[in-house]
Each structure stands twice: as structure tokens, then as C-alpha cells.
Amino acid sequence: KPLFPKLYLTETSLNMRPLALAAFALLLCAWPVFSASPLDAREPGFANDGVVNPPPYYQRYRRTEYSQDAGFFQWWYFCIKDLASGDYFAFAYCYDEFPNNATSTGAYVTFLAMDSEQHDRFVRVEKNPLEAFSASNYFDINIQNGQYSIDVIDDNTFRLQGMMDPSSSPFYCDGCNSTWGGGLVKWDVTLSRIYGWYGEQDLEKISIIFGKGEICWNPYTHNSLVTGSVWVGDRQYEMSQTSQYRGYGDMNWGARFPDGVNHPSLDYPWGWYNVIIPNDDPYKDVSIIAGCGLAESSFPFYSIFAGFTDIRLGNSTHIGLRYILGWDETPFTVKLVDTSNDGSVHVFNVSRSQWVNFTDPSRPDLSWPIPLVQNLTMHSDHYHVSLDFVSTPDMYNRLPFMEGDKVFSDFGAR
């Protein structure tokens, strides 16, 4: 794979074969021909686009908006990428409350480090009491008296801090005995947003009222400048606001992860895809974020396929796609949502192949099928976008998120 991805443009197509990140999750027991309207945050209602550069209101803590009798999860996830070496770090601040399962209820913090050259990964999850979690100012997050925090500096700037005590016993660890593990884990990094988008602003309430509170997704800062430091054991990493480093941030929440009552969870996978081609002028970056997958809903549409994408070809060109099908994969498939600021969404497909088993190092008896190849294709009126992601088993990692007596496994790959 090339160290830096290449971009190929034809009159109506955009093909990328990038050094990129893809995530695959399971719940288990065109020359630019137009410019969008001004790229500022706005509330379009049920319109042709999502919210561009959403303000903190959209990233708010949402427990009070869901039934107190039902389970609820919410996490704020961040990823820092060294685009020169391929190394990356990830942080997740999680609130998980399940009235019927006190064992999995808690405030979780996850840290991930991936060494691309050594193909070495380190994942550590700390569990804290739910009472140790607090939120203010929409999503100023504080866990364990400031041991872990998110500070919203302004609409476009977010500071992340955390420190994991090496003497404590982690809730989960992959790689604690590797070259990464065994020492202090600490981070203090700030993301300054370049591009962000939220595509479910007029759909999220429908999920609560007519659905089952399915997982929602908000990639509000899918491309950011980064500055700060990460310490892992005796290694220290310094990041600066150059084209070598870029950051990503999103938020997921809901009352139910995608799964099927009468079908195996593998029938309900979700994928999140992120491509960044940096430029010395960050507002000339190419950045694409896409998410799509299946969920079992309720009457009258049952099996739902949903896809959301923000495509940025520099700061002047933005294409937002939102696409939802009901009764998916049946003779009665019906298009429920088809909106774009480039007319209509004609194609939104994902294919996965070259499946292998991923085994949890801490539980050799547990393994899951994961795809090494994922192909994402999207067509609007003037743009054809094709993203091809190819990985290897040793470049995958697994981030576990609790849901009562189940675990939502987020498999990430470079």
C-alpha cells in the first residue's frame, strides 16, 4: 500500500485506494461540478443534507432523552493518526447503564495503540463506577474526578486527557505483555476541527419513537489538526499541527446495538470508513467518512439498511449522502430516505470478502469472522465514489463495548 494514498478523478467518478482506517462491528453473545452551500453549522430539518460542522449541542450527553427503564450506552471515540508511519492511537470515553445487568453497568475508558511497523497492538479498558461519570456543557466529560476528561474549548476545539495506572487491574487488556504493555499510559491531546458532519439530526427521534432505539452515529470531527503528547510505557509521542498528523472524533449512542432476534448477529454488521489525504494547507485536505449497515427494526419496515457519508474535496466541495432502505434484502425493499445536496443517492453498497477468524488473545476460545477486503461504492447525480480497503489479520484490533450480557465488538483495521 502506498505511504500516502492517491486520488484519481474522472468526470463523474472518484476512486481512492488509500492508506485508510476501516472498522467492522458486530454484536456477539467527477471533477467538482458544484459547491455546497456555505460550510457552516445549520439545522436543515428533514432536508437534503446533514449538519455541517455540528456545534456541541449535537454531541451532547443524551441519557435523559431515553427511557430510564431501558438500557442506554453512549461513547465519544477519538483516533489520532500518524500518516507517515501508519501508527495510530485511539481513546473512548463510555457511559453504559443497563438496569437489568449491574455487572456491565459502568463508566469505561478505552485506550488503543497500534504500531504499524511491528504489527503490534495494545488495547486497555478501565472500568469505573457509573457514579464516577459526569457531563456538563453538552459534552465536557469527567470520569473518576478528572482522571479522564474531554474539555470542549469551543465549537471546533476539543482537549482529551487521561492516565491509566499501571498498578491497577484492567477490565480488559490485549497486549499487556507486549512491547507496549506494563507501564504508564497517559495522553493530553487537542483536536482542532477541519471538517465535521452529522447526518441523523432529523432521524434520531424516529429511531426512539418507531424503532428500538438503535445505535446512532455522529462523526462531528472526522478530520482534525492534532497537537499534544501520548505516553505508553517508556515511549513518548509528540504530535504537532502538521500534515503528518490528523485526528478523528465521533459519538455513538442508543438503547440497542444492531443485532437480530431471529438471526445471527453476523447478519447485522456495521462498517465505519475513514479516508484522509492530507495537505500542507489543511483546508485542502481530502476527507471521506462513511458508515453503513443493517439493523432489525419494528413494524412496518423491519430490516433496515442505512448509509451516511460526508465527502470533502477541500473546503469548497462537500457532498453529503443519506440513504435508508426498509424491508432490505427482500422482494419488497422500499427506499425510505434518499437525500443529498447533489441530487439523489443512486447507489450505496458495501461488499466484504476474504474472511478470516480473529481470536481474542485473552480468550483463545473466542473468535469472530472479519473481512480483510471491504469495498464501498456510492453514486450521487455527479459523483461516483469507490473506496477499497485491504488489510491483514495482524493489522486488526478489537475494542469491546458492553451491552448488558452481550459485547459489541468494534474491529478496527488500518
Foldseek 3Di string as FASTA:
>chain_A
DDLAKDWDDDQFETETAGLWKKKKWFWPLGDDPDFFDAQAADDPAQAQFFGKLHFLLVLADCPVVADPQFKKKKKKKKKKAQSRQRKIKMKIWMATDGPVFQPQGFTKIKIKTARVVVLAIKIFMATHHNVQWDADPRRFIGGNNNQWTWDPPGSFKIWTWHKDQLVDDTPDMDQLVPPQHRAIKIWIKMWGALIFTAGCPNPQVVCRPFWQFEKGKGFSRQWTFMFTWIDGHPDIDTGGRAQSMIMTMMMMMTRDYAADPPDGRVQWMKMWIWHWRADRPRQQIWIKIKIWTWHATDPPFGIKIWMWMWTDRGNGHIKIWTWMWGPPPDPPIDTDDFHIPQATKDDWDKDFDDWDWQARPVHNVDIDIDGQWMWTWTHGPRYTYIYIGGFDNSQKDWDWDDNRSMTMIMIMGD
